Amino acid sequence: MAKSGMYRLLFLALLLSVNFVAQAQESVDAIEMADPMRESGKIYVVVGVLLIIFLGFTAFLIITDKKISNLEKELEGKE
């Protein structure tokens, strides 16, 4: 009986999230702040800068993960 209740709760959460997504889709056209940026082409600069920041952060995390893995292997070898 516990699984049935869990499935009902998950189904309810799914239905509520679909409702929120539908409401978010309706308000996309109402964003007036982005209109001048789209018209002048500056929105591509903003997207490009965000992409560069995201890629840099991802590369930093990957490099840090490799360094930590190497340090862990080094510590295992000493013991």
Protein backbone atom coordinates (compact mmCIF):
# COMPACT_ATOMS: atom_id res chain seq x y z
CA MET A 1 0.00 0.00 0.00
CA ALA A 2 2.94 2.34 0.59
CA LYS A 3 4.05 2.09 -3.04
CA SER A 4 0.59 3.04 -4.24
CA GLY A 5 0.63 6.17 -2.09
CA MET A 6 4.09 7.06 -3.37
CA TYR A 7 2.97 6.67 -6.98
CA ARG A 8 -0.04 8.90 -6.33
CA LEU A 9 2.19 11.53 -4.76
CA LEU A 10 4.61 11.41 -7.70
CA PHE A 11 1.72 11.62 -10.14
CA LEU A 12 0.36 14.66 -8.29
CA ALA A 13 3.79 16.31 -8.36
CA LEU A 14 4.02 15.62 -12.10
CA LEU A 15 0.62 17.19 -12.73
CA LEU A 16 1.53 20.27 -10.68
CA SER A 17 4.84 20.69 -12.50
CA VAL A 18 3.10 20.47 -15.88
CA ASN A 19 0.78 23.26 -14.75
CA PHE A 20 3.74 25.47 -13.77
CA VAL A 21 5.49 24.81 -17.08
CA ALA A 22 2.34 25.72 -18.98
CA GLN A 23 2.05 28.99 -17.07
CA ALA A 24 5.70 29.79 -17.71
CA GLN A 25 5.22 29.27 -21.45
CA GLU A 26 2.40 31.79 -21.57
CA SER A 27 4.46 34.57 -20.02
CA VAL A 28 7.45 34.28 -22.39
CA ASP A 29 6.01 36.88 -24.76
CA ALA A 30 5.46 39.31 -21.90
CA ILE A 31 9.19 39.84 -21.23
CA GLU A 32 9.71 43.37 -22.45
CA MET A 33 13.23 43.73 -21.11
CA ALA A 34 14.68 41.33 -23.70
CA ASP A 35 13.02 42.96 -26.71
CA PRO A 36 15.52 45.82 -27.15
CA MET A 37 18.40 43.39 -26.67
CA ARG A 38 17.00 41.10 -29.36
CA GLU A 39 16.47 44.01 -31.74
CA SER A 40 20.00 45.35 -31.35
CA GLY A 41 21.63 41.91 -31.38
CA LYS A 42 23.12 42.30 -27.91
CA ILE A 43 21.29 39.22 -26.68
CA TYR A 44 23.86 37.12 -28.57
CA VAL A 45 26.66 38.83 -26.66
CA VAL A 46 24.93 38.03 -23.37
CA VAL A 47 24.40 34.41 -24.38
CA GLY A 48 28.02 34.16 -25.55
CA VAL A 49 29.40 35.55 -22.30
CA LEU A 50 27.22 33.19 -20.26
CA LEU A 51 28.37 30.27 -22.41
CA ILE A 52 32.02 31.18 -21.91
CA ILE A 53 31.52 31.46 -18.14
CA PHE A 54 29.71 28.11 -18.04
CA LEU A 55 32.40 26.37 -20.11
CA GLY A 56 35.15 27.88 -17.97
CA PHE A 57 33.45 26.76 -14.78
CA THR A 58 32.95 23.26 -16.20
CA ALA A 59 36.61 23.04 -17.26
CA PHE A 60 37.68 24.23 -13.80
CA LEU A 61 35.60 21.51 -12.16
CA ILE A 62 36.97 18.80 -14.45
CA ILE A 63 40.58 19.87 -13.87
CA THR A 64 40.02 20.06 -10.11
CA ASP A 65 38.43 16.61 -10.12
CA LYS A 66 41.45 15.14 -11.95
CA LYS A 67 43.86 16.76 -9.48
CA ILE A 68 41.89 15.42 -6.53
CA SER A 69 41.82 11.94 -8.07
CA ASN A 70 45.60 12.04 -8.54
CA LEU A 71 46.09 13.15 -4.93
CA GLU A 72 43.85 10.33 -3.70
CA LYS A 73 45.84 7.78 -5.70
CA GLU A 74 49.07 9.24 -4.32
CA LEU A 75 47.80 8.96 -0.75
CA GLU A 76 46.67 5.35 -1.31
CA GLY A 77 50.14 4.47 -2.59
CA LYS A 78 51.88 5.86 0.50
CA GLU A 79 49.82 3.86 2.97
